[in-house]
Amino acid sequence: MKNQLCYSAIVVQDYKVHYSFKRKPLSKSLNPMGNFYKFVHQQKQIQKFLEAYFLTDGKPKVEDEICFDTQPSKITITKIDENYIRSKAEQELYKVEEDFKRIKNKIKKL
C-alpha cells in the first residue's frame, strides 16, 4: 500500500472543499487497528489545518496545492461546491463539535 491516494472533503463557511492527499505508509510495528487510528489521526490533522488555513487565507481554487509540514505530500484541491448547505445530520454533528470546542476551552481556562 505505497503512496495510496485518499480523497476527502471539508465544509468551511458556505462551501465544501474536496481534496486529495497521499496516505502515510502503514507502520509495520502497528496492528491493523493501530494503522487505522493512525490514518484517522492524519485525516483529522489535515482537516483542522485546512479549516484554519481557509478561514485566514480565503477560499482556495481547484488544483491548488497546499503544503502541510507534518504530511508526507501536498494536499491537492480537487473540487469546490459553492453555496453548500449542510444536511440535517451534518448540521447536528457540527453543532455538537462546536459545543465540545466551547466546553473544552472553558475547561482550559480553569
PDB file of N, CA and C in Angstrom:
ATOM      1  N   MET A   1       0.844  -1.178   0.000  1.00  0.00           N
ATOM      2  CA  MET A   1       0.000   0.000   0.000  1.00  0.00           C
ATOM      3  C   MET A   1       0.890   1.242   0.000  1.00  0.00           C
ATOM      4  N   LYS A   2       1.744   1.370  -0.988  1.00  0.00           N
ATOM      5  CA  LYS A   2       2.634   2.519  -1.075  1.00  0.00           C
ATOM      6  C   LYS A   2       1.928   3.695  -1.718  1.00  0.00           C
ATOM      7  N   ASN A   3       2.071   4.866  -1.105  1.00  0.00           N
ATOM      8  CA  ASN A   3       1.537   6.112  -1.652  1.00  0.00           C
ATOM      9  C   ASN A   3       0.076   6.016  -2.082  1.00  0.00           C
ATOM     10  N   GLN A   4      -0.747   5.480  -1.227  1.00  0.00           N
ATOM     11  CA  GLN A   4      -2.164   5.366  -1.539  1.00  0.00           C
ATOM     12  C   GLN A   4      -2.786   6.767  -1.522  1.00  0.00           C
ATOM     13  N   LEU A   5      -3.467   7.133  -2.598  1.00  0.00           N
ATOM     14  CA  LEU A   5      -4.103   8.438  -2.713  1.00  0.00           C
ATOM     15  C   LEU A   5      -5.473   8.381  -2.055  1.00  0.00           C
ATOM     16  N   CYS A   6      -5.754   9.325  -1.159  1.00  0.00           N
ATOM     17  CA  CYS A   6      -7.023   9.378  -0.444  1.00  0.00           C
ATOM     18  C   CYS A   6      -7.761  10.648  -0.808  1.00  0.00           C
ATOM     19  N   TYR A   7      -9.075  10.566  -0.797  1.00  0.00           N
ATOM     20  CA  TYR A   7      -9.919  11.715  -1.103  1.00  0.00           C
ATOM     21  C   TYR A   7     -10.813  11.999   0.093  1.00  0.00           C
ATOM     22  N   SER A   8     -11.005  13.284   0.380  1.00  0.00           N
ATOM     23  CA  SER A   8     -11.853  13.683   1.489  1.00  0.00           C
ATOM     24  C   SER A   8     -12.420  15.066   1.187  1.00  0.00           C
ATOM     25  N   ALA A   9     -13.213  15.591   2.112  1.00  0.00           N
ATOM     26  CA  ALA A   9     -13.800  16.918   1.919  1.00  0.00           C
ATOM     27  C   ALA A   9     -13.985  17.586   3.276  1.00  0.00           C
ATOM     28  N   ILE A  10     -14.061  18.896   3.244  1.00  0.00           N
ATOM     29  CA  ILE A  10     -14.293  19.685   4.450  1.00  0.00           C
ATOM     30  C   ILE A  10     -15.225  20.836   4.102  1.00  0.00           C
ATOM     31  N   VAL A  11     -16.131  21.148   5.016  1.00  0.00           N
ATOM     32  CA  VAL A  11     -17.052  22.262   4.818  1.00  0.00           C
ATOM     33  C   VAL A  11     -16.518  23.448   5.597  1.00  0.00           C
ATOM     34  N   VAL A  12     -16.350  24.561   4.901  1.00  0.00           N
ATOM     35  CA  VAL A  12     -15.888  25.796   5.527  1.00  0.00           C
ATOM     36  C   VAL A  12     -16.856  26.901   5.092  1.00  0.00           C
ATOM     37  N   GLN A  13     -17.455  27.559   6.078  1.00  0.00           N
ATOM     38  CA  GLN A  13     -18.455  28.600   5.823  1.00  0.00           C
ATOM     39  C   GLN A  13     -19.547  28.070   4.900  1.00  0.00           C
ATOM     40  N   ASP A  14     -19.652  28.581   3.673  1.00  0.00           N
ATOM     41  CA  ASP A  14     -20.740  28.155   2.783  1.00  0.00           C
ATOM     42  C   ASP A  14     -20.229  27.401   1.549  1.00  0.00           C
ATOM     43  N   TYR A  15     -19.086  26.771   1.657  1.00  0.00           N
ATOM     44  CA  TYR A  15     -18.573  25.975   0.544  1.00  0.00           C
ATOM     45  C   TYR A  15     -17.922  24.694   1.064  1.00  0.00           C
ATOM     46  N   LYS A  16     -17.940  23.689   0.202  1.00  0.00           N
ATOM     47  CA  LYS A  16     -17.355  22.391   0.545  1.00  0.00           C
ATOM     48  C   LYS A  16     -16.157  22.172  -0.363  1.00  0.00           C
ATOM     49  N   VAL A  17     -15.013  21.906   0.241  1.00  0.00           N
ATOM     50  CA  VAL A  17     -13.771  21.725  -0.495  1.00  0.00           C
ATOM     51  C   VAL A  17     -13.405  20.239  -0.497  1.00  0.00           C
ATOM     52  N   HIS A  18     -13.276  19.673  -1.690  1.00  0.00           N
ATOM     53  CA  HIS A  18     -12.834  18.288  -1.854  1.00  0.00           C
ATOM     54  C   HIS A  18     -11.329  18.322  -2.121  1.00  0.00           C
ATOM     55  N   TYR A  19     -10.603  17.404  -1.498  1.00  0.00           N
ATOM     56  CA  TYR A  19      -9.150  17.403  -1.653  1.00  0.00           C
ATOM     57  C   TYR A  19      -8.618  15.984  -1.651  1.00  0.00           C
ATOM     58  N   SER A  20      -7.392  15.854  -2.107  1.00  0.00           N
ATOM     59  CA  SER A  20      -6.725  14.545  -2.091  1.00  0.00           C
ATOM     60  C   SER A  20      -5.357  14.697  -1.422  1.00  0.00           C
ATOM     61  N   PHE A  21      -4.887  13.597  -0.884  1.00  0.00           N
ATOM     62  CA  PHE A  21      -3.565  13.564  -0.255  1.00  0.00           C
ATOM     63  C   PHE A  21      -3.069  12.132  -0.268  1.00  0.00           C
ATOM     64  N   LYS A  22      -1.773  11.971  -0.119  1.00  0.00           N
ATOM     65  CA  LYS A  22      -1.198  10.628  -0.051  1.00  0.00           C
ATOM     66  C   LYS A  22      -1.178  10.176   1.397  1.00  0.00           C
ATOM     67  N   ARG A  23      -1.676   8.988   1.609  1.00  0.00           N
ATOM     68  CA  ARG A  23      -1.722   8.416   2.950  1.00  0.00           C
ATOM     69  C   ARG A  23      -0.318   8.058   3.403  1.00  0.00           C
ATOM     70  N   LYS A  24      -0.045   8.274   4.688  1.00  0.00           N
ATOM     71  CA  LYS A  24       1.239   7.853   5.236  1.00  0.00           C
ATOM     72  C   LYS A  24       1.336   6.337   5.144  1.00  0.00           C
ATOM     73  N   PRO A  25       2.545   5.816   4.915  1.00  0.00           N
ATOM     74  CA  PRO A  25       2.691   4.354   4.794  1.00  0.00           C
ATOM     75  C   PRO A  25       2.290   3.640   6.081  1.00  0.00           C
ATOM     76  N   LEU A  26       1.844   2.399   5.922  1.00  0.00           N
ATOM     77  CA  LEU A  26       1.476   1.597   7.086  1.00  0.00           C
ATOM     78  C   LEU A  26       2.709   1.317   7.932  1.00  0.00           C
ATOM     79  N   SER A  27       2.513   1.315   9.217  1.00  0.00           N
ATOM     80  CA  SER A  27       3.600   1.023  10.144  1.00  0.00           C
ATOM     81  C   SER A  27       3.660  -0.485  10.381  1.00  0.00           C
ATOM     82  N   LYS A  28       4.835  -1.042  10.259  1.00  0.00           N
ATOM     83  CA  LYS A  28       4.992  -2.475  10.486  1.00  0.00           C
ATOM     84  C   LYS A  28       4.877  -2.821  11.970  1.00  0.00           C
ATOM     85  N   SER A  29       5.080  -1.827  12.839  1.00  0.00           N
ATOM     86  CA  SER A  29       5.027  -2.102  14.273  1.00  0.00           C
ATOM     87  C   SER A  29       3.607  -2.000  14.838  1.00  0.00           C
ATOM     88  N   LEU A  30       2.638  -1.555  14.015  1.00  0.00           N
ATOM     89  CA  LEU A  30       1.254  -1.440  14.476  1.00  0.00           C
ATOM     90  C   LEU A  30       0.397  -2.554  13.882  1.00  0.00           C
ATOM     91  N   ASN A  31      -0.614  -2.948  14.630  1.00  0.00           N
ATOM     92  CA  ASN A  31      -1.574  -3.911  14.100  1.00  0.00           C
ATOM     93  C   ASN A  31      -2.575  -3.148  13.215  1.00  0.00           C
ATOM     94  N   PRO A  32      -3.516  -3.823  12.552  1.00  0.00           N
ATOM     95  CA  PRO A  32      -4.457  -3.129  11.665  1.00  0.00           C
ATOM     96  C   PRO A  32      -5.246  -2.002  12.348  1.00  0.00           C
ATOM     97  N   MET A  33      -5.670  -2.219  13.593  1.00  0.00           N
ATOM     98  CA  MET A  33      -6.406  -1.158  14.299  1.00  0.00           C
ATOM     99  C   MET A  33      -5.501   0.040  14.579  1.00  0.00           C
ATOM    100  N   GLY A  34      -4.258  -0.211  14.915  1.00  0.00           N
ATOM    101  CA  GLY A  34      -3.311   0.873  15.155  1.00  0.00           C
ATOM    102  C   GLY A  34      -3.093   1.689  13.899  1.00  0.00           C
ATOM    103  N   ASN A  35      -2.959   1.021  12.754  1.00  0.00           N
ATOM    104  CA  ASN A  35      -2.801   1.725  11.483  1.00  0.00           C
ATOM    105  C   ASN A  35      -4.064   2.501  11.124  1.00  0.00           C
ATOM    106  N   PHE A  36      -5.238   1.942  11.447  1.00  0.00           N
ATOM    107  CA  PHE A  36      -6.496   2.643  11.210  1.00  0.00           C
ATOM    108  C   PHE A  36      -6.539   3.936  12.028  1.00  0.00           C
ATOM    109  N   TYR A  37      -6.207   3.862  13.314  1.00  0.00           N
ATOM    110  CA  TYR A  37      -6.217   5.057  14.164  1.00  0.00           C
ATOM    111  C   TYR A  37      -5.175   6.079  13.713  1.00  0.00           C
ATOM    112  N   LYS A  38      -4.055   5.587  13.224  1.00  0.00           N
ATOM    113  CA  LYS A  38      -3.024   6.483  12.687  1.00  0.00           C
ATOM    114  C   LYS A  38      -3.576   7.256  11.484  1.00  0.00           C
ATOM    115  N   PHE A  39      -4.305   6.567  10.604  1.00  0.00           N
ATOM    116  CA  PHE A  39      -4.897   7.206   9.428  1.00  0.00           C
ATOM    117  C   PHE A  39      -5.969   8.215   9.828  1.00  0.00           C
ATOM    118  N   VAL A  40      -6.824   7.851  10.789  1.00  0.00           N
ATOM    119  CA  VAL A  40      -7.872   8.760  11.262  1.00  0.00           C
ATOM    120  C   VAL A  40      -7.234  10.019  11.849  1.00  0.00           C
ATOM    121  N   HIS A  41      -6.167   9.842  12.606  1.00  0.00           N
ATOM    122  CA  HIS A  41      -5.458  10.986  13.185  1.00  0.00           C
ATOM    123  C   HIS A  41      -4.901  11.883  12.075  1.00  0.00           C
ATOM    124  N   GLN A  42      -4.347  11.271  11.024  1.00  0.00           N
ATOM    125  CA  GLN A  42      -3.816  12.046   9.899  1.00  0.00           C
ATOM    126  C   GLN A  42      -4.930  12.862   9.253  1.00  0.00           C
ATOM    127  N   GLN A  43      -6.094  12.257   9.030  1.00  0.00           N
ATOM    128  CA  GLN A  43      -7.209  12.977   8.419  1.00  0.00           C
ATOM    129  C   GLN A  43      -7.673  14.143   9.280  1.00  0.00           C
ATOM    130  N   LYS A  44      -7.787  13.917  10.582  1.00  0.00           N
ATOM    131  CA  LYS A  44      -8.229  14.984  11.480  1.00  0.00           C
ATOM    132  C   LYS A  44      -7.232  16.136  11.491  1.00  0.00           C
ATOM    133  N   GLN A  45      -5.945  15.822  11.482  1.00  0.00           N
ATOM    134  CA  GLN A  45      -4.922  16.868  11.427  1.00  0.00           C
ATOM    135  C   GLN A  45      -5.082  17.710  10.166  1.00  0.00           C
ATOM    136  N   ILE A  46      -5.259  17.041   9.045  1.00  0.00           N
ATOM    137  CA  ILE A  46      -5.399  17.741   7.769  1.00  0.00           C
ATOM    138  C   ILE A  46      -6.647  18.618   7.779  1.00  0.00           C
ATOM    139  N   GLN A  47      -7.763  18.091   8.278  1.00  0.00           N
ATOM    140  CA  GLN A  47      -8.999  18.868   8.286  1.00  0.00           C
ATOM    141  C   GLN A  47      -8.900  20.099   9.185  1.00  0.00           C
ATOM    142  N   LYS A  48      -8.309  19.953  10.364  1.00  0.00           N
ATOM    143  CA  LYS A  48      -8.129  21.112  11.248  1.00  0.00           C
ATOM    144  C   LYS A  48      -7.227  22.153  10.593  1.00  0.00           C
ATOM    145  N   PHE A  49      -6.151  21.692   9.979  1.00  0.00           N
ATOM    146  CA  PHE A  49      -5.233  22.597   9.308  1.00  0.00           C
ATOM    147  C   PHE A  49      -5.931  23.334   8.170  1.00  0.00           C
ATOM    148  N   LEU A  50      -6.657  22.595   7.319  1.00  0.00           N
ATOM    149  CA  LEU A  50      -7.320  23.216   6.170  1.00  0.00           C
ATOM    150  C   LEU A  50      -8.391  24.207   6.602  1.00  0.00           C
ATOM    151  N   GLU A  51      -9.159  23.873   7.626  1.00  0.00           N
ATOM    152  CA  GLU A  51     -10.197  24.796   8.099  1.00  0.00           C
ATOM    153  C   GLU A  51      -9.569  26.109   8.545  1.00  0.00           C
ATOM    154  N   ALA A  52      -8.521  26.042   9.340  1.00  0.00           N
ATOM    155  CA  ALA A  52      -7.843  27.255   9.794  1.00  0.00           C
ATOM    156  C   ALA A  52      -7.205  27.996   8.618  1.00  0.00           C
ATOM    157  N   TYR A  53      -6.626  27.258   7.704  1.00  0.00           N
ATOM    158  CA  TYR A  53      -5.970  27.844   6.530  1.00  0.00           C
ATOM    159  C   TYR A  53      -6.968  28.608   5.670  1.00  0.00           C
ATOM    160  N   PHE A  54      -8.129  27.993   5.393  1.00  0.00           N
ATOM    161  CA  PHE A  54      -9.126  28.640   4.534  1.00  0.00           C
ATOM    162  C   PHE A  54      -9.774  29.837   5.220  1.00  0.00           C
ATOM    163  N   LEU A  55      -9.940  29.768   6.538  1.00  0.00           N
ATOM    164  CA  LEU A  55     -10.535  30.898   7.257  1.00  0.00           C
ATOM    165  C   LEU A  55      -9.610  32.111   7.260  1.00  0.00           C
ATOM    166  N   THR A  56      -8.307  31.888   7.276  1.00  0.00           N
ATOM    167  CA  THR A  56      -7.369  33.016   7.277  1.00  0.00           C
ATOM    168  C   THR A  56      -6.971  33.457   5.877  1.00  0.00           C
ATOM    169  N   ASP A  57      -6.756  32.504   4.971  1.00  0.00           N
ATOM    170  CA  ASP A  57      -6.269  32.842   3.628  1.00  0.00           C
ATOM    171  C   ASP A  57      -7.355  32.921   2.567  1.00  0.00           C
ATOM    172  N   GLY A  58      -8.592  32.586   2.910  1.00  0.00           N
ATOM    173  CA  GLY A  58      -9.680  32.667   1.945  1.00  0.00           C
ATOM    174  C   GLY A  58      -9.902  31.383   1.181  1.00  0.00           C
ATOM    175  N   LYS A  59     -10.881  31.439   0.298  1.00  0.00           N
ATOM    176  CA  LYS A  59     -11.297  30.269  -0.474  1.00  0.00           C
ATOM    177  C   LYS A  59     -10.213  29.856  -1.464  1.00  0.00           C
ATOM    178  N   PRO A  60      -9.920  28.563  -1.531  1.00  0.00           N
ATOM    179  CA  PRO A  60      -8.896  28.084  -2.473  1.00  0.00           C
ATOM    180  C   PRO A  60      -9.459  27.966  -3.886  1.00  0.00           C
ATOM    181  N   LYS A  61      -8.604  27.597  -4.806  1.00  0.00           N
ATOM    182  CA  LYS A  61      -9.001  27.342  -6.188  1.00  0.00           C
ATOM    183  C   LYS A  61      -8.735  25.876  -6.492  1.00  0.00           C
ATOM    184  N   VAL A  62      -9.464  25.337  -7.451  1.00  0.00           N
ATOM    185  CA  VAL A  62      -9.260  23.948  -7.856  1.00  0.00           C
ATOM    186  C   VAL A  62      -7.831  23.802  -8.375  1.00  0.00           C
ATOM    187  N   GLU A  63      -7.200  22.694  -8.033  1.00  0.00           N
ATOM    188  CA  GLU A  63      -5.827  22.338  -8.375  1.00  0.00           C
ATOM    189  C   GLU A  63      -4.769  23.086  -7.558  1.00  0.00           C
ATOM    190  N   ASP A  64      -5.189  23.869  -6.558  1.00  0.00           N
ATOM    191  CA  ASP A  64      -4.214  24.460  -5.638  1.00  0.00           C
ATOM    192  C   ASP A  64      -3.538  23.326  -4.875  1.00  0.00           C
ATOM    193  N   GLU A  65      -2.247  23.485  -4.614  1.00  0.00           N
ATOM    194  CA  GLU A  65      -1.518  22.518  -3.804  1.00  0.00           C
ATOM    195  C   GLU A  65      -1.085  23.210  -2.522  1.00  0.00           C
ATOM    196  N   ILE A  66      -1.409  22.606  -1.404  1.00  0.00           N
ATOM    197  CA  ILE A  66      -1.124  23.197  -0.101  1.00  0.00           C
ATOM    198  C   ILE A  66      -0.163  22.279   0.632  1.00  0.00           C
ATOM    199  N   CYS A  67       0.892  22.851   1.172  1.00  0.00           N
ATOM    200  CA  CYS A  67       1.879  22.074   1.924  1.00  0.00           C
ATOM    201  C   CYS A  67       1.549  22.133   3.406  1.00  0.00           C
ATOM    202  N   PHE A  68       1.601  20.993   4.034  1.00  0.00           N
ATOM    203  CA  PHE A  68       1.388  20.883   5.478  1.00  0.00           C
ATOM    204  C   PHE A  68       2.569  20.089   6.000  1.00  0.00           C
ATOM    205  N   ASP A  69       3.382  20.708   6.820  1.00  0.00           N
ATOM    206  CA  ASP A  69       4.693  20.148   7.181  1.00  0.00           C
ATOM    207  C   ASP A  69       4.671  18.774   7.849  1.00  0.00           C
ATOM    208  N   THR A  70       3.563  18.372   8.453  1.00  0.00           N
ATOM    209  CA  THR A  70       3.544  17.059   9.093  1.00  0.00           C
ATOM    210  C   THR A  70       3.038  15.958   8.161  1.00  0.00           C
ATOM    211  N   GLN A  71       2.747  16.297   6.920  1.00  0.00           N
ATOM    212  CA  GLN A  71       2.226  15.317   5.971  1.00  0.00           C
ATOM    213  C   GLN A  71       3.291  14.957   4.943  1.00  0.00           C
ATOM    214  N   PRO A  72       3.254  13.728   4.440  1.00  0.00           N
ATOM    215  CA  PRO A  72       4.285  13.284   3.505  1.00  0.00           C
ATOM    216  C   PRO A  72       4.142  13.870   2.098  1.00  0.00           C
ATOM    217  N   SER A  73       3.008  14.464   1.794  1.00  0.00           N
ATOM    218  CA  SER A  73       2.811  15.003   0.452  1.00  0.00           C
ATOM    219  C   SER A  73       1.968  16.265   0.505  1.00  0.00           C
ATOM    220  N   LYS A  74       1.833  16.890  -0.643  1.00  0.00           N
ATOM    221  CA  LYS A  74       0.999  18.084  -0.738  1.00  0.00           C
ATOM    222  C   LYS A  74      -0.472  17.683  -0.742  1.00  0.00           C
ATOM    223  N   ILE A  75      -1.296  18.603  -0.288  1.00  0.00           N
ATOM    224  CA  ILE A  75      -2.740  18.415  -0.313  1.00  0.00           C
ATOM    225  C   ILE A  75      -3.231  19.135  -1.560  1.00  0.00           C
ATOM    226  N   THR A  76      -3.958  18.434  -2.427  1.00  0.00           N
ATOM    227  CA  THR A  76      -4.400  18.997  -3.696  1.00  0.00           C
ATOM    228  C   THR A  76      -5.912  19.203  -3.665  1.00  0.00           C
ATOM    229  N   ILE A  77      -6.346  20.411  -3.993  1.00  0.00           N
ATOM    230  CA  ILE A  77      -7.777  20.722  -4.059  1.00  0.00           C
ATOM    231  C   ILE A  77      -8.317  20.145  -5.367  1.00  0.00           C
ATOM    232  N   THR A  78      -9.352  19.316  -5.284  1.00  0.00           N
ATOM    233  CA  THR A  78      -9.884  18.661  -6.481  1.00  0.00           C
ATOM    234  C   THR A  78     -11.216  19.240  -6.946  1.00  0.00           C
ATOM    235  N   LYS A  79     -11.996  19.791  -6.022  1.00  0.00           N
ATOM    236  CA  LYS A  79     -13.316  20.300  -6.386  1.00  0.00           C
ATOM    237  C   LYS A  79     -13.814  21.231  -5.287  1.00  0.00           C
ATOM    238  N   ILE A  80     -14.624  22.226  -5.655  1.00  0.00           N
ATOM    239  CA  ILE A  80     -15.231  23.130  -4.675  1.00  0.00           C
ATOM    240  C   ILE A  80     -16.722  23.237  -4.978  1.00  0.00           C
ATOM    241  N   ASP A  81     -17.551  22.930  -3.990  1.00  0.00           N
ATOM    242  CA  ASP A  81     -19.000  23.080  -4.116  1.00  0.00           C
ATOM    243  C   ASP A  81     -19.393  24.416  -3.491  1.00  0.00           C
ATOM    244  N   GLU A  82     -19.847  25.334  -4.321  1.00  0.00           N
ATOM    245  CA  GLU A  82     -20.257  26.659  -3.842  1.00  0.00           C
ATOM    246  C   GLU A  82     -21.632  26.577  -3.183  1.00  0.00           C
ATOM    247  N   ASN A  83     -21.919  27.496  -2.281  1.00  0.00           N
ATOM    248  CA  ASN A  83     -23.225  27.606  -1.613  1.00  0.00           C
ATOM    249  C   ASN A  83     -23.696  26.271  -1.041  1.00  0.00           C
ATOM    250  N   TYR A  84     -22.794  25.586  -0.382  1.00  0.00           N
ATOM    251  CA  TYR A  84     -23.094  24.267   0.184  1.00  0.00           C
ATOM    252  C   TYR A  84     -23.942  24.420   1.439  1.00  0.00           C
ATOM    253  N   ILE A  85     -24.983  23.626   1.527  1.00  0.00           N
ATOM    254  CA  ILE A  85     -25.848  23.627   2.706  1.00  0.00           C
ATOM    255  C   ILE A  85     -25.726  22.263   3.360  1.00  0.00           C
ATOM    256  N   ARG A  86     -25.376  22.267   4.641  1.00  0.00           N
ATOM    257  CA  ARG A  86     -25.223  21.001   5.367  1.00  0.00           C
ATOM    258  C   ARG A  86     -26.573  20.307   5.504  1.00  0.00           C
ATOM    259  N   SER A  87     -26.542  18.979   5.467  1.00  0.00           N
ATOM    260  CA  SER A  87     -27.764  18.206   5.726  1.00  0.00           C
ATOM    261  C   SER A  87     -28.107  18.335   7.206  1.00  0.00           C
ATOM    262  N   LYS A  88     -29.276  17.867   7.578  1.00  0.00           N
ATOM    263  CA  LYS A  88     -29.701  17.969   8.971  1.00  0.00           C
ATOM    264  C   LYS A  88     -28.723  17.239   9.894  1.00  0.00           C
ATOM    265  N   ALA A  89     -28.313  16.043   9.501  1.00  0.00           N
ATOM    266  CA  ALA A  89     -27.367  15.261  10.318  1.00  0.00           C
ATOM    267  C   ALA A  89     -26.012  15.964  10.408  1.00  0.00           C
ATOM    268  N   GLU A  90     -25.533  16.509   9.283  1.00  0.00           N
ATOM    269  CA  GLU A  90     -24.255  17.239   9.296  1.00  0.00           C
ATOM    270  C   GLU A  90     -24.340  18.461  10.194  1.00  0.00           C
ATOM    271  N   GLN A  91     -25.476  19.155  10.159  1.00  0.00           N
ATOM    272  CA  GLN A  91     -25.648  20.353  10.980  1.00  0.00           C
ATOM    273  C   GLN A  91     -25.656  19.999  12.464  1.00  0.00           C
ATOM    274  N   GLU A  92     -26.327  18.898  12.813  1.00  0.00           N
ATOM    275  CA  GLU A  92     -26.351  18.472  14.213  1.00  0.00           C
ATOM    276  C   GLU A  92     -24.957  18.086  14.689  1.00  0.00           C
ATOM    277  N   LEU A  93     -24.213  17.349  13.860  1.00  0.00           N
ATOM    278  CA  LEU A  93     -22.849  16.964  14.214  1.00  0.00           C
ATOM    279  C   LEU A  93     -21.964  18.200  14.359  1.00  0.00           C
ATOM    280  N   TYR A  94     -22.097  19.161  13.458  1.00  0.00           N
ATOM    281  CA  TYR A  94     -21.324  20.405  13.524  1.00  0.00           C
ATOM    282  C   TYR A  94     -21.621  21.145  14.827  1.00  0.00           C
ATOM    283  N   LYS A  95     -22.897  21.203  15.210  1.00  0.00           N
ATOM    284  CA  LYS A  95     -23.283  21.891  16.446  1.00  0.00           C
ATOM    285  C   LYS A  95     -22.658  21.208  17.665  1.00  0.00           C
ATOM    286  N   VAL A  96     -22.684  19.878  17.678  1.00  0.00           N
ATOM    287  CA  VAL A  96     -22.089  19.129  18.793  1.00  0.00           C
ATOM    288  C   VAL A  96     -20.583  19.403  18.861  1.00  0.00           C
ATOM    289  N   GLU A  97     -19.907  19.407  17.712  1.00  0.00           N
ATOM    290  CA  GLU A  97     -18.461  19.672  17.685  1.00  0.00           C
ATOM    291  C   GLU A  97     -18.158  21.078  18.193  1.00  0.00           C
ATOM    292  N   GLU A  98     -18.967  22.052  17.805  1.00  0.00           N
ATOM    293  CA  GLU A  98     -18.757  23.432  18.272  1.00  0.00           C
ATOM    294  C   GLU A  98     -18.998  23.537  19.772  1.00  0.00           C
ATOM    295  N   ASP A  99     -20.032  22.867  20.285  1.00  0.00           N
ATOM    296  CA  ASP A  99     -20.288  22.859  21.727  1.00  0.00           C
ATOM    297  C   ASP A  99     -19.126  22.218  22.474  1.00  0.00           C
ATOM    298  N   PHE A 100     -18.604  21.133  21.925  1.00  0.00           N
ATOM    299  CA  PHE A 100     -17.465  20.456  22.543  1.00  0.00           C
ATOM    300  C   PHE A 100     -16.249  21.385  22.598  1.00  0.00           C
ATOM    301  N   LYS A 101     -15.970  22.101  21.497  1.00  0.00           N
ATOM    302  CA  LYS A 101     -14.844  23.041  21.478  1.00  0.00           C
ATOM    303  C   LYS A 101     -15.023  24.132  22.524  1.00  0.00           C
ATOM    304  N   ARG A 102     -16.258  24.635  22.641  1.00  0.00           N
ATOM    305  CA  ARG A 102     -16.544  25.698  23.601  1.00  0.00           C
ATOM    306  C   ARG A 102     -16.311  25.201  25.032  1.00  0.00           C
ATOM    307  N   ILE A 103     -16.811  24.009  25.347  1.00  0.00           N
ATOM    308  CA  ILE A 103     -16.633  23.435  26.687  1.00  0.00           C
ATOM    309  C   ILE A 103     -15.161  23.160  26.965  1.00  0.00           C
ATOM    310  N   LYS A 104     -14.448  22.628  25.971  1.00  0.00           N
ATOM    311  CA  LYS A 104     -13.020  22.337  26.120  1.00  0.00           C
ATOM    312  C   LYS A 104     -12.239  23.618  26.430  1.00  0.00           C
ATOM    313  N   ASN A 105     -12.581  24.723  25.755  1.00  0.00           N
ATOM    314  CA  ASN A 105     -11.900  25.989  26.011  1.00  0.00           C
ATOM    315  C   ASN A 105     -12.210  26.525  27.398  1.00  0.00           C
ATOM    316  N   LYS A 106     -13.428  26.320  27.885  1.00  0.00           N
ATOM    317  CA  LYS A 106     -13.780  26.746  29.249  1.00  0.00           C
ATOM    318  C   LYS A 106     -12.964  25.973  30.266  1.00  0.00           C
ATOM    319  N   ILE A 107     -12.805  24.667  30.040  1.00  0.00           N
ATOM    320  CA  ILE A 107     -12.050  23.825  30.967  1.00  0.00           C
ATOM    321  C   ILE A 107     -10.587  24.247  30.989  1.00  0.00           C
ATOM    322  N   LYS A 108     -10.032  24.593  29.829  1.00  0.00           N
ATOM    323  CA  LYS A 108      -8.636  25.021  29.758  1.00  0.00           C
ATOM    324  C   LYS A 108      -8.395  26.283  30.578  1.00  0.00           C
ATOM    325  N   LYS A 109      -9.403  27.158  30.629  1.00  0.00           N
ATOM    326  CA  LYS A 109      -9.257  28.421  31.360  1.00  0.00           C
ATOM    327  C   LYS A 109      -9.274  28.220  32.871  1.00  0.00           C
ATOM    328  N   LEU A 110      -9.801  27.084  33.326  1.00  0.00           N
ATOM    329  CA  LEU A 110      -9.862  26.812  34.766  1.00  0.00           C
ATOM    330  C   LEU A 110      -8.543  26.485  35.285  1.00  0.00           C
TER     331      LEU A 110
END
